[in-house]
Amino acid sequence: MSIKVYGIANCDTVKKTRKLLESKKVAYDFIDFKKAPPSDTQIKGWLKQFGAETLINKRGTTWRKLDTKSQAMADSSVNNQVKLLKENTSMIKRPIIESGSTHIIGFDKEAIEKLK
């Protein structure tokens, strides 16, 4: 079973997650949103799995820089949410970790330490 970690390389939370996995000698594949943006299907799956309130990071700089019309998209249809996140991958809460049927969003030390 391969572990995939999605995020942005210079994100502090992603760095902390990767460091923890490496300290536990857990092999993983890192997928950088900036180099390999997530597909519509992936974003829809994450929205279904985690919900828009969790997946869309409204605390970051990218969110604060959006105009009110774009921010309103975050509370509208799934298709608008997908469009918003594809255009602004920095707004996706990080990291997203997939390991078989296990999905983790954000830095959850206990859950991450259980990965093998």
PDB file of N, CA and C in Angstrom:
ATOM      1  N   MET A   1       0.847  -1.174   0.000  1.00  0.00           N
ATOM      2  CA  MET A   1       0.000   0.000   0.000  1.00  0.00           C
ATOM      3  C   MET A   1       0.894   1.240   0.000  1.00  0.00           C
ATOM      4  N   SER A   2       0.637   2.136  -0.944  1.00  0.00           N
ATOM      5  CA  SER A   2       1.472   3.328  -0.984  1.00  0.00           C
ATOM      6  C   SER A   2       0.747   4.497  -0.318  1.00  0.00           C
ATOM      7  N   ILE A   3       1.518   5.321   0.327  1.00  0.00           N
ATOM      8  CA  ILE A   3       1.002   6.500   1.005  1.00  0.00           C
ATOM      9  C   ILE A   3       1.286   7.700   0.117  1.00  0.00           C
ATOM     10  N   LYS A   4       0.260   8.532  -0.081  1.00  0.00           N
ATOM     11  CA  LYS A   4       0.425   9.756  -0.864  1.00  0.00           C
ATOM     12  C   LYS A   4       0.174  10.945   0.037  1.00  0.00           C
ATOM     13  N   VAL A   5       1.087  11.896  -0.051  1.00  0.00           N
ATOM     14  CA  VAL A   5       0.955  13.137   0.700  1.00  0.00           C
ATOM     15  C   VAL A   5       0.821  14.255  -0.317  1.00  0.00           C
ATOM     16  N   TYR A   6      -0.318  14.952  -0.280  1.00  0.00           N
ATOM     17  CA  TYR A   6      -0.577  16.066  -1.190  1.00  0.00           C
ATOM     18  C   TYR A   6      -0.391  17.370  -0.445  1.00  0.00           C
ATOM     19  N   GLY A   7       0.220  18.343  -1.111  1.00  0.00           N
ATOM     20  CA  GLY A   7       0.395  19.642  -0.485  1.00  0.00           C
ATOM     21  C   GLY A   7       1.285  20.534  -1.302  1.00  0.00           C
ATOM     22  N   ILE A   8       1.900  21.480  -0.625  1.00  0.00           N
ATOM     23  CA  ILE A   8       2.811  22.437  -1.241  1.00  0.00           C
ATOM     24  C   ILE A   8       4.134  22.337  -0.492  1.00  0.00           C
ATOM     25  N   ALA A   9       5.213  22.211  -1.231  1.00  0.00           N
ATOM     26  CA  ALA A   9       6.528  21.933  -0.644  1.00  0.00           C
ATOM     27  C   ALA A   9       6.950  22.932   0.433  1.00  0.00           C
ATOM     28  N   ASN A  10       6.654  24.223   0.247  1.00  0.00           N
ATOM     29  CA  ASN A  10       7.140  25.205   1.223  1.00  0.00           C
ATOM     30  C   ASN A  10       6.153  25.485   2.360  1.00  0.00           C
ATOM     31  N   CYS A  11       5.089  24.701   2.453  1.00  0.00           N
ATOM     32  CA  CYS A  11       4.099  24.845   3.529  1.00  0.00           C
ATOM     33  C   CYS A  11       4.672  24.247   4.819  1.00  0.00           C
ATOM     34  N   ASP A  12       4.629  24.997   5.906  1.00  0.00           N
ATOM     35  CA  ASP A  12       5.199  24.525   7.177  1.00  0.00           C
ATOM     36  C   ASP A  12       4.513  23.258   7.687  1.00  0.00           C
ATOM     37  N   THR A  13       3.195  23.166   7.527  1.00  0.00           N
ATOM     38  CA  THR A  13       2.475  21.987   8.000  1.00  0.00           C
ATOM     39  C   THR A  13       2.860  20.753   7.184  1.00  0.00           C
ATOM     40  N   VAL A  14       3.045  20.943   5.893  1.00  0.00           N
ATOM     41  CA  VAL A  14       3.484  19.835   5.037  1.00  0.00           C
ATOM     42  C   VAL A  14       4.899  19.419   5.414  1.00  0.00           C
ATOM     43  N   LYS A  15       5.762  20.385   5.660  1.00  0.00           N
ATOM     44  CA  LYS A  15       7.139  20.073   6.062  1.00  0.00           C
ATOM     45  C   LYS A  15       7.145  19.269   7.365  1.00  0.00           C
ATOM     46  N   LYS A  16       6.306  19.681   8.326  1.00  0.00           N
ATOM     47  CA  LYS A  16       6.223  18.992   9.618  1.00  0.00           C
ATOM     48  C   LYS A  16       5.734  17.556   9.415  1.00  0.00           C
ATOM     49  N   THR A  17       4.748  17.383   8.542  1.00  0.00           N
ATOM     50  CA  THR A  17       4.206  16.048   8.261  1.00  0.00           C
ATOM     51  C   THR A  17       5.264  15.165   7.619  1.00  0.00           C
ATOM     52  N   ARG A  18       5.955  15.692   6.621  1.00  0.00           N
ATOM     53  CA  ARG A  18       6.978  14.912   5.926  1.00  0.00           C
ATOM     54  C   ARG A  18       8.112  14.527   6.882  1.00  0.00           C
ATOM     55  N   LYS A  19       8.489  15.458   7.736  1.00  0.00           N
ATOM     56  CA  LYS A  19       9.558  15.181   8.712  1.00  0.00           C
ATOM     57  C   LYS A  19       9.132  14.061   9.657  1.00  0.00           C
ATOM     58  N   LEU A  20       7.880  14.081  10.111  1.00  0.00           N
ATOM     59  CA  LEU A  20       7.372  13.041  10.998  1.00  0.00           C
ATOM     60  C   LEU A  20       7.377  11.683  10.300  1.00  0.00           C
ATOM     61  N   LEU A  21       6.886  11.634   9.057  1.00  0.00           N
ATOM     62  CA  LEU A  21       6.873  10.372   8.314  1.00  0.00           C
ATOM     63  C   LEU A  21       8.294   9.840   8.131  1.00  0.00           C
ATOM     64  N   GLU A  22       9.219  10.727   7.787  1.00  0.00           N
ATOM     65  CA  GLU A  22      10.607  10.314   7.580  1.00  0.00           C
ATOM     66  C   GLU A  22      11.245   9.834   8.882  1.00  0.00           C
ATOM     67  N   SER A  23      10.912  10.467  10.005  1.00  0.00           N
ATOM     68  CA  SER A  23      11.475  10.034  11.288  1.00  0.00           C
ATOM     69  C   SER A  23      10.972   8.639  11.670  1.00  0.00           C
ATOM     70  N   LYS A  24       9.775   8.290  11.198  1.00  0.00           N
ATOM     71  CA  LYS A  24       9.201   6.954  11.447  1.00  0.00           C
ATOM     72  C   LYS A  24       9.571   5.961  10.344  1.00  0.00           C
ATOM     73  N   LYS A  25      10.390   6.433   9.406  1.00  0.00           N
ATOM     74  CA  LYS A  25      10.843   5.608   8.272  1.00  0.00           C
ATOM     75  C   LYS A  25       9.659   5.061   7.457  1.00  0.00           C
ATOM     76  N   VAL A  26       8.655   5.918   7.275  1.00  0.00           N
ATOM     77  CA  VAL A  26       7.475   5.570   6.489  1.00  0.00           C
ATOM     78  C   VAL A  26       7.677   6.113   5.074  1.00  0.00           C
ATOM     79  N   ALA A  27       7.626   5.212   4.099  1.00  0.00           N
ATOM     80  CA  ALA A  27       7.789   5.618   2.697  1.00  0.00           C
ATOM     81  C   ALA A  27       6.490   6.261   2.209  1.00  0.00           C
ATOM     82  N   TYR A  28       6.627   7.316   1.421  1.00  0.00           N
ATOM     83  CA  TYR A  28       5.459   8.002   0.876  1.00  0.00           C
ATOM     84  C   TYR A  28       5.832   8.690  -0.430  1.00  0.00           C
ATOM     85  N   ASP A  29       4.812   8.995  -1.216  1.00  0.00           N
ATOM     86  CA  ASP A  29       4.986   9.792  -2.426  1.00  0.00           C
ATOM     87  C   ASP A  29       4.435  11.173  -2.135  1.00  0.00           C
ATOM     88  N   PHE A  30       5.225  12.204  -2.440  1.00  0.00           N
ATOM     89  CA  PHE A  30       4.772  13.573  -2.234  1.00  0.00           C
ATOM     90  C   PHE A  30       4.303  14.145  -3.559  1.00  0.00           C
ATOM     91  N   ILE A  31       3.083  14.669  -3.561  1.00  0.00           N
ATOM     92  CA  ILE A  31       2.524  15.284  -4.762  1.00  0.00           C
ATOM     93  C   ILE A  31       2.333  16.767  -4.463  1.00  0.00           C
ATOM     94  N   ASP A  32       3.113  17.599  -5.153  1.00  0.00           N
ATOM     95  CA  ASP A  32       3.095  19.043  -4.959  1.00  0.00           C
ATOM     96  C   ASP A  32       1.993  19.659  -5.827  1.00  0.00           C
ATOM     97  N   PHE A  33       1.038  20.326  -5.196  1.00  0.00           N
ATOM     98  CA  PHE A  33      -0.055  20.966  -5.933  1.00  0.00           C
ATOM     99  C   PHE A  33       0.432  21.935  -6.987  1.00  0.00           C
ATOM    100  N   LYS A  34       1.589  22.548  -6.745  1.00  0.00           N
ATOM    101  CA  LYS A  34       2.101  23.543  -7.694  1.00  0.00           C
ATOM    102  C   LYS A  34       2.627  22.877  -8.972  1.00  0.00           C
ATOM    103  N   LYS A  35       3.143  21.664  -8.839  1.00  0.00           N
ATOM    104  CA  LYS A  35       3.698  20.947  -9.994  1.00  0.00           C
ATOM    105  C   LYS A  35       2.695  19.986 -10.624  1.00  0.00           C
ATOM    106  N   ALA A  36       1.793  19.447  -9.813  1.00  0.00           N
ATOM    107  CA  ALA A  36       0.788  18.488 -10.289  1.00  0.00           C
ATOM    108  C   ALA A  36      -0.548  18.825  -9.639  1.00  0.00           C
ATOM    109  N   PRO A  37      -1.255  19.820 -10.183  1.00  0.00           N
ATOM    110  CA  PRO A  37      -2.525  20.221  -9.583  1.00  0.00           C
ATOM    111  C   PRO A  37      -3.514  19.056  -9.526  1.00  0.00           C
ATOM    112  N   PRO A  38      -4.333  19.019  -8.491  1.00  0.00           N
ATOM    113  CA  PRO A  38      -5.315  17.929  -8.378  1.00  0.00           C
ATOM    114  C   PRO A  38      -6.366  18.030  -9.481  1.00  0.00           C
ATOM    115  N   SER A  39      -6.904  16.882  -9.852  1.00  0.00           N
ATOM    116  CA  SER A  39      -7.936  16.832 -10.884  1.00  0.00           C
ATOM    117  C   SER A  39      -9.288  17.218 -10.278  1.00  0.00           C
ATOM    118  N   ASP A  40     -10.253  17.495 -11.154  1.00  0.00           N
ATOM    119  CA  ASP A  40     -11.610  17.778 -10.700  1.00  0.00           C
ATOM    120  C   ASP A  40     -12.128  16.608  -9.864  1.00  0.00           C
ATOM    121  N   THR A  41     -11.849  15.386 -10.320  1.00  0.00           N
ATOM    122  CA  THR A  41     -12.312  14.183  -9.631  1.00  0.00           C
ATOM    123  C   THR A  41     -11.717  14.106  -8.228  1.00  0.00           C
ATOM    124  N   GLN A  42     -10.422  14.396  -8.091  1.00  0.00           N
ATOM    125  CA  GLN A  42      -9.790  14.374  -6.770  1.00  0.00           C
ATOM    126  C   GLN A  42     -10.432  15.405  -5.846  1.00  0.00           C
ATOM    127  N   ILE A  43     -10.604  16.628  -6.350  1.00  0.00           N
ATOM    128  CA  ILE A  43     -11.180  17.686  -5.521  1.00  0.00           C
ATOM    129  C   ILE A  43     -12.601  17.321  -5.099  1.00  0.00           C
ATOM    130  N   LYS A  44     -13.398  16.795  -6.030  1.00  0.00           N
ATOM    131  CA  LYS A  44     -14.766  16.377  -5.686  1.00  0.00           C
ATOM    132  C   LYS A  44     -14.743  15.287  -4.617  1.00  0.00           C
ATOM    133  N   GLY A  45     -13.814  14.342  -4.742  1.00  0.00           N
ATOM    134  CA  GLY A  45     -13.682  13.283  -3.742  1.00  0.00           C
ATOM    135  C   GLY A  45     -13.320  13.837  -2.380  1.00  0.00           C
ATOM    136  N   TRP A  46     -12.398  14.791  -2.357  1.00  0.00           N
ATOM    137  CA  TRP A  46     -11.997  15.410  -1.086  1.00  0.00           C
ATOM    138  C   TRP A  46     -13.142  16.222  -0.493  1.00  0.00           C
ATOM    139  N   LEU A  47     -13.902  16.915  -1.342  1.00  0.00           N
ATOM    140  CA  LEU A  47     -15.049  17.663  -0.842  1.00  0.00           C
ATOM    141  C   LEU A  47     -16.060  16.717  -0.201  1.00  0.00           C
ATOM    142  N   LYS A  48     -16.275  15.577  -0.854  1.00  0.00           N
ATOM    143  CA  LYS A  48     -17.213  14.585  -0.317  1.00  0.00           C
ATOM    144  C   LYS A  48     -16.673  13.990   0.987  1.00  0.00           C
ATOM    145  N   GLN A  49     -15.384  13.678   1.012  1.00  0.00           N
ATOM    146  CA  GLN A  49     -14.748  13.051   2.165  1.00  0.00           C
ATOM    147  C   GLN A  49     -14.676  13.978   3.380  1.00  0.00           C
ATOM    148  N   PHE A  50     -14.214  15.215   3.149  1.00  0.00           N
ATOM    149  CA  PHE A  50     -13.931  16.127   4.263  1.00  0.00           C
ATOM    150  C   PHE A  50     -14.956  17.246   4.441  1.00  0.00           C
ATOM    151  N   GLY A  51     -15.683  17.577   3.366  1.00  0.00           N
ATOM    152  CA  GLY A  51     -16.607  18.713   3.392  1.00  0.00           C
ATOM    153  C   GLY A  51     -15.886  20.004   3.038  1.00  0.00           C
ATOM    154  N   ALA A  52     -16.626  20.929   2.466  1.00  0.00           N
ATOM    155  CA  ALA A  52     -16.043  22.199   2.021  1.00  0.00           C
ATOM    156  C   ALA A  52     -15.477  23.006   3.183  1.00  0.00           C
ATOM    157  N   GLU A  53     -16.155  22.972   4.334  1.00  0.00           N
ATOM    158  CA  GLU A  53     -15.691  23.753   5.486  1.00  0.00           C
ATOM    159  C   GLU A  53     -14.295  23.334   5.930  1.00  0.00           C
ATOM    160  N   THR A  54     -13.984  22.060   5.797  1.00  0.00           N
ATOM    161  CA  THR A  54     -12.671  21.558   6.193  1.00  0.00           C
ATOM    162  C   THR A  54     -11.663  21.716   5.062  1.00  0.00           C
ATOM    163  N   LEU A  55     -12.066  21.394   3.835  1.00  0.00           N
ATOM    164  CA  LEU A  55     -11.123  21.387   2.710  1.00  0.00           C
ATOM    165  C   LEU A  55     -10.681  22.784   2.298  1.00  0.00           C
ATOM    166  N   ILE A  56     -11.594  23.736   2.328  1.00  0.00           N
ATOM    167  CA  ILE A  56     -11.258  25.093   1.883  1.00  0.00           C
ATOM    168  C   ILE A  56     -10.675  25.869   3.061  1.00  0.00           C
ATOM    169  N   ASN A  57      -9.414  26.239   2.914  1.00  0.00           N
ATOM    170  CA  ASN A  57      -8.695  26.967   3.967  1.00  0.00           C
ATOM    171  C   ASN A  57      -9.045  28.447   3.873  1.00  0.00           C
ATOM    172  N   LYS A  58      -9.894  28.882   4.792  1.00  0.00           N
ATOM    173  CA  LYS A  58     -10.327  30.280   4.785  1.00  0.00           C
ATOM    174  C   LYS A  58      -9.478  31.153   5.710  1.00  0.00           C
ATOM    175  N   ARG A  59      -8.406  30.583   6.254  1.00  0.00           N
ATOM    176  CA  ARG A  59      -7.555  31.354   7.161  1.00  0.00           C
ATOM    177  C   ARG A  59      -6.301  31.887   6.484  1.00  0.00           C
ATOM    178  N   GLY A  60      -6.036  31.420   5.267  1.00  0.00           N
ATOM    179  CA  GLY A  60      -4.788  31.772   4.614  1.00  0.00           C
ATOM    180  C   GLY A  60      -4.826  33.062   3.816  1.00  0.00           C
ATOM    181  N   THR A  61      -3.662  33.466   3.365  1.00  0.00           N
ATOM    182  CA  THR A  61      -3.486  34.674   2.573  1.00  0.00           C
ATOM    183  C   THR A  61      -4.272  34.616   1.269  1.00  0.00           C
ATOM    184  N   THR A  62      -4.269  33.454   0.621  1.00  0.00           N
ATOM    185  CA  THR A  62      -4.955  33.322  -0.662  1.00  0.00           C
ATOM    186  C   THR A  62      -6.433  33.655  -0.500  1.00  0.00           C
ATOM    187  N   TRP A  63      -7.062  33.147   0.546  1.00  0.00           N
ATOM    188  CA  TRP A  63      -8.488  33.421   0.798  1.00  0.00           C
ATOM    189  C   TRP A  63      -8.706  34.916   1.018  1.00  0.00           C
ATOM    190  N   ARG A  64      -7.871  35.544   1.826  1.00  0.00           N
ATOM    191  CA  ARG A  64      -8.042  36.965   2.150  1.00  0.00           C
ATOM    192  C   ARG A  64      -7.872  37.855   0.923  1.00  0.00           C
ATOM    193  N   LYS A  65      -7.107  37.396  -0.057  1.00  0.00           N
ATOM    194  CA  LYS A  65      -6.873  38.189  -1.266  1.00  0.00           C
ATOM    195  C   LYS A  65      -8.007  38.071  -2.291  1.00  0.00           C
ATOM    196  N   LEU A  66      -8.895  37.079  -2.107  1.00  0.00           N
ATOM    197  CA  LEU A  66      -9.995  36.890  -3.054  1.00  0.00           C
ATOM    198  C   LEU A  66     -11.038  37.997  -2.921  1.00  0.00           C
ATOM    199  N   ASP A  67     -11.678  38.319  -4.059  1.00  0.00           N
ATOM    200  CA  ASP A  67     -12.786  39.263  -3.992  1.00  0.00           C
ATOM    201  C   ASP A  67     -14.015  38.556  -3.417  1.00  0.00           C
ATOM    202  N   THR A  68     -15.018  39.320  -3.033  1.00  0.00           N
ATOM    203  CA  THR A  68     -16.196  38.738  -2.373  1.00  0.00           C
ATOM    204  C   THR A  68     -16.948  37.779  -3.288  1.00  0.00           C
ATOM    205  N   LYS A  69     -16.948  38.037  -4.586  1.00  0.00           N
ATOM    206  CA  LYS A  69     -17.630  37.135  -5.522  1.00  0.00           C
ATOM    207  C   LYS A  69     -16.961  35.759  -5.506  1.00  0.00           C
ATOM    208  N   SER A  70     -15.638  35.745  -5.534  1.00  0.00           N
ATOM    209  CA  SER A  70     -14.906  34.475  -5.499  1.00  0.00           C
ATOM    210  C   SER A  70     -15.098  33.773  -4.164  1.00  0.00           C
ATOM    211  N   GLN A  71     -15.081  34.535  -3.074  1.00  0.00           N
ATOM    212  CA  GLN A  71     -15.298  33.932  -1.763  1.00  0.00           C
ATOM    213  C   GLN A  71     -16.686  33.304  -1.674  1.00  0.00           C
ATOM    214  N   ALA A  72     -17.664  33.918  -2.317  1.00  0.00           N
ATOM    215  CA  ALA A  72     -19.036  33.384  -2.302  1.00  0.00           C
ATOM    216  C   ALA A  72     -19.098  32.016  -2.986  1.00  0.00           C
ATOM    217  N   MET A  73     -18.183  31.758  -3.922  1.00  0.00           N
ATOM    218  CA  MET A  73     -18.150  30.465  -4.611  1.00  0.00           C
ATOM    219  C   MET A  73     -17.887  29.320  -3.627  1.00  0.00           C
ATOM    220  N   ALA A  74     -17.186  29.619  -2.552  1.00  0.00           N
ATOM    221  CA  ALA A  74     -16.851  28.585  -1.564  1.00  0.00           C
ATOM    222  C   ALA A  74     -18.092  28.040  -0.868  1.00  0.00           C
ATOM    223  N   ASP A  75     -19.154  28.825  -0.867  1.00  0.00           N
ATOM    224  CA  ASP A  75     -20.387  28.412  -0.202  1.00  0.00           C
ATOM    225  C   ASP A  75     -21.483  28.046  -1.199  1.00  0.00           C
ATOM    226  N   SER A  76     -21.100  27.866  -2.464  1.00  0.00           N
ATOM    227  CA  SER A  76     -22.109  27.559  -3.475  1.00  0.00           C
ATOM    228  C   SER A  76     -22.022  26.097  -3.906  1.00  0.00           C
ATOM    229  N   SER A  77     -22.203  25.835  -5.168  1.00  0.00           N
ATOM    230  CA  SER A  77     -22.260  24.456  -5.672  1.00  0.00           C
ATOM    231  C   SER A  77     -20.885  23.776  -5.648  1.00  0.00           C
ATOM    232  N   VAL A  78     -20.922  22.452  -5.689  1.00  0.00           N
ATOM    233  CA  VAL A  78     -19.681  21.667  -5.736  1.00  0.00           C
ATOM    234  C   VAL A  78     -18.863  22.065  -6.954  1.00  0.00           C
ATOM    235  N   ASN A  79     -19.509  22.255  -8.096  1.00  0.00           N
ATOM    236  CA  ASN A  79     -18.772  22.626  -9.308  1.00  0.00           C
ATOM    237  C   ASN A  79     -18.052  23.958  -9.134  1.00  0.00           C
ATOM    238  N   ASN A  80     -18.686  24.924  -8.466  1.00  0.00           N
ATOM    239  CA  ASN A  80     -18.027  26.206  -8.206  1.00  0.00           C
ATOM    240  C   ASN A  80     -16.882  26.043  -7.214  1.00  0.00           C
ATOM    241  N   GLN A  81     -17.068  25.172  -6.225  1.00  0.00           N
ATOM    242  CA  GLN A  81     -16.002  24.925  -5.260  1.00  0.00           C
ATOM    243  C   GLN A  81     -14.802  24.288  -5.955  1.00  0.00           C
ATOM    244  N   VAL A  82     -15.051  23.341  -6.853  1.00  0.00           N
ATOM    245  CA  VAL A  82     -13.971  22.698  -7.602  1.00  0.00           C
ATOM    246  C   VAL A  82     -13.235  23.741  -8.431  1.00  0.00           C
ATOM    247  N   LYS A  83     -13.980  24.590  -9.130  1.00  0.00           N
ATOM    248  CA  LYS A  83     -13.371  25.643  -9.966  1.00  0.00           C
ATOM    249  C   LYS A  83     -12.498  26.564  -9.103  1.00  0.00           C
ATOM    250  N   LEU A  84     -13.026  26.969  -7.964  1.00  0.00           N
ATOM    251  CA  LEU A  84     -12.296  27.862  -7.060  1.00  0.00           C
ATOM    252  C   LEU A  84     -10.989  27.215  -6.585  1.00  0.00           C
ATOM    253  N   LEU A  85     -11.052  25.940  -6.184  1.00  0.00           N
ATOM    254  CA  LEU A  85      -9.862  25.259  -5.671  1.00  0.00           C
ATOM    255  C   LEU A  85      -8.867  24.929  -6.784  1.00  0.00           C
ATOM    256  N   LYS A  86      -9.339  24.675  -7.986  1.00  0.00           N
ATOM    257  CA  LYS A  86      -8.409  24.431  -9.111  1.00  0.00           C
ATOM    258  C   LYS A  86      -7.632  25.703  -9.438  1.00  0.00           C
ATOM    259  N   GLU A  87      -8.317  26.831  -9.346  1.00  0.00           N
ATOM    260  CA  GLU A  87      -7.675  28.116  -9.651  1.00  0.00           C
ATOM    261  C   GLU A  87      -6.794  28.609  -8.505  1.00  0.00           C
ATOM    262  N   ASN A  88      -7.040  28.091  -7.308  1.00  0.00           N
ATOM    263  CA  ASN A  88      -6.322  28.549  -6.109  1.00  0.00           C
ATOM    264  C   ASN A  88      -5.933  27.348  -5.249  1.00  0.00           C
ATOM    265  N   THR A  89      -5.013  26.538  -5.745  1.00  0.00           N
ATOM    266  CA  THR A  89      -4.650  25.313  -5.012  1.00  0.00           C
ATOM    267  C   THR A  89      -4.086  25.611  -3.621  1.00  0.00           C
ATOM    268  N   SER A  90      -3.593  26.803  -3.410  1.00  0.00           N
ATOM    269  CA  SER A  90      -3.079  27.172  -2.086  1.00  0.00           C
ATOM    270  C   SER A  90      -4.187  27.230  -1.047  1.00  0.00           C
ATOM    271  N   MET A  91      -5.443  27.257  -1.489  1.00  0.00           N
ATOM    272  CA  MET A  91      -6.572  27.299  -0.554  1.00  0.00           C
ATOM    273  C   MET A  91      -7.001  25.915  -0.078  1.00  0.00           C
ATOM    274  N   ILE A  92      -6.400  24.873  -0.622  1.00  0.00           N
ATOM    275  CA  ILE A  92      -6.734  23.521  -0.165  1.00  0.00           C
ATOM    276  C   ILE A  92      -5.971  23.276   1.137  1.00  0.00           C
ATOM    277  N   LYS A  93      -6.713  22.898   2.169  1.00  0.00           N
ATOM    278  CA  LYS A  93      -6.069  22.622   3.467  1.00  0.00           C
ATOM    279  C   LYS A  93      -5.037  21.516   3.282  1.00  0.00           C
ATOM    280  N   ARG A  94      -3.894  21.667   3.916  1.00  0.00           N
ATOM    281  CA  ARG A  94      -2.786  20.750   3.721  1.00  0.00           C
ATOM    282  C   ARG A  94      -2.279  20.214   5.050  1.00  0.00           C
ATOM    283  N   PRO A  95      -1.624  19.075   4.962  1.00  0.00           N
ATOM    284  CA  PRO A  95      -1.563  18.151   3.831  1.00  0.00           C
ATOM    285  C   PRO A  95      -2.820  17.281   3.762  1.00  0.00           C
ATOM    286  N   ILE A  96      -2.983  16.642   2.631  1.00  0.00           N
ATOM    287  CA  ILE A  96      -3.979  15.585   2.500  1.00  0.00           C
ATOM    288  C   ILE A  96      -3.180  14.304   2.340  1.00  0.00           C
ATOM    289  N   ILE A  97      -3.464  13.337   3.196  1.00  0.00           N
ATOM    290  CA  ILE A  97      -2.729  12.068   3.173  1.00  0.00           C
ATOM    291  C   ILE A  97      -3.709  10.958   2.833  1.00  0.00           C
ATOM    292  N   GLU A  98      -3.328  10.157   1.846  1.00  0.00           N
ATOM    293  CA  GLU A  98      -4.141   9.004   1.450  1.00  0.00           C
ATOM    294  C   GLU A  98      -3.310   7.750   1.623  1.00  0.00           C
ATOM    295  N   SER A  99      -3.867   6.799   2.348  1.00  0.00           N
ATOM    296  CA  SER A  99      -3.206   5.511   2.556  1.00  0.00           C
ATOM    297  C   SER A  99      -4.295   4.451   2.574  1.00  0.00           C
ATOM    298  N   GLY A 100      -4.499   3.804   1.440  1.00  0.00           N
ATOM    299  CA  GLY A 100      -5.592   2.838   1.346  1.00  0.00           C
ATOM    300  C   GLY A 100      -6.910   3.539   1.596  1.00  0.00           C
ATOM    301  N   SER A 101      -7.671   3.054   2.571  1.00  0.00           N
ATOM    302  CA  SER A 101      -8.967   3.672   2.873  1.00  0.00           C
ATOM    303  C   SER A 101      -8.853   4.780   3.924  1.00  0.00           C
ATOM    304  N   THR A 102      -7.641   5.027   4.404  1.00  0.00           N
ATOM    305  CA  THR A 102      -7.420   6.076   5.399  1.00  0.00           C
ATOM    306  C   THR A 102      -7.145   7.407   4.710  1.00  0.00           C
ATOM    307  N   HIS A 103      -7.854   8.434   5.132  1.00  0.00           N
ATOM    308  CA  HIS A 103      -7.654   9.785   4.610  1.00  0.00           C
ATOM    309  C   HIS A 103      -7.498  10.733   5.786  1.00  0.00           C
ATOM    310  N   ILE A 104      -6.438  11.526   5.748  1.00  0.00           N
ATOM    311  CA  ILE A 104      -6.150  12.479   6.821  1.00  0.00           C
ATOM    312  C   ILE A 104      -5.991  13.846   6.178  1.00  0.00           C
ATOM    313  N   ILE A 105      -6.558  14.864   6.805  1.00  0.00           N
ATOM    314  CA  ILE A 105      -6.352  16.228   6.319  1.00  0.00           C
ATOM    315  C   ILE A 105      -5.786  17.051   7.467  1.00  0.00           C
ATOM    316  N   GLY A 106      -4.770  17.847   7.161  1.00  0.00           N
ATOM    317  CA  GLY A 106      -4.108  18.640   8.182  1.00  0.00           C
ATOM    318  C   GLY A 106      -3.104  17.803   8.955  1.00  0.00           C
ATOM    319  N   PHE A 107      -2.424  18.434   9.892  1.00  0.00           N
ATOM    320  CA  PHE A 107      -1.426  17.724  10.691  1.00  0.00           C
ATOM    321  C   PHE A 107      -2.116  17.090  11.886  1.00  0.00           C
ATOM    322  N   ASP A 108      -2.240  15.766  11.844  1.00  0.00           N
ATOM    323  CA  ASP A 108      -2.836  14.988  12.930  1.00  0.00           C
ATOM    324  C   ASP A 108      -1.774  13.972  13.338  1.00  0.00           C
ATOM    325  N   LYS A 109      -0.957  14.360  14.325  1.00  0.00           N
ATOM    326  CA  LYS A 109       0.210  13.557  14.704  1.00  0.00           C
ATOM    327  C   LYS A 109      -0.155  12.111  15.026  1.00  0.00           C
ATOM    328  N   GLU A 110      -1.183  11.891  15.817  1.00  0.00           N
ATOM    329  CA  GLU A 110      -1.566  10.525  16.194  1.00  0.00           C
ATOM    330  C   GLU A 110      -1.952   9.695  14.980  1.00  0.00           C
ATOM    331  N   ALA A 111      -2.761  10.272  14.097  1.00  0.00           N
ATOM    332  CA  ALA A 111      -3.198   9.533  12.899  1.00  0.00           C
ATOM    333  C   ALA A 111      -2.022   9.261  11.970  1.00  0.00           C
ATOM    334  N   ILE A 112      -1.141  10.239  11.827  1.00  0.00           N
ATOM    335  CA  ILE A 112       0.020  10.089  10.945  1.00  0.00           C
ATOM    336  C   ILE A 112       0.961   9.024  11.496  1.00  0.00           C
ATOM    337  N   GLU A 113       1.141   8.985  12.810  1.00  0.00           N
ATOM    338  CA  GLU A 113       2.046   7.999  13.405  1.00  0.00           C
ATOM    339  C   GLU A 113       1.543   6.568  13.241  1.00  0.00           C
ATOM    340  N   LYS A 114       0.250   6.397  13.005  1.00  0.00           N
ATOM    341  CA  LYS A 114      -0.317   5.059  12.806  1.00  0.00           C
ATOM    342  C   LYS A 114      -0.085   4.528  11.399  1.00  0.00           C
ATOM    343  N   LEU A 115       0.330   5.402  10.481  1.00  0.00           N
ATOM    344  CA  LEU A 115       0.562   4.966   9.096  1.00  0.00           C
ATOM    345  C   LEU A 115       1.801   4.106   9.009  1.00  0.00           C
ATOM    346  N   LYS A 116       1.747   3.113   8.119  1.00  0.00           N
ATOM    347  CA  LYS A 116       2.911   2.229   7.925  1.00  0.00           C
ATOM    348  C   LYS A 116       3.189   2.084   6.463  1.00  0.00           C
TER     349      LYS A 116
END
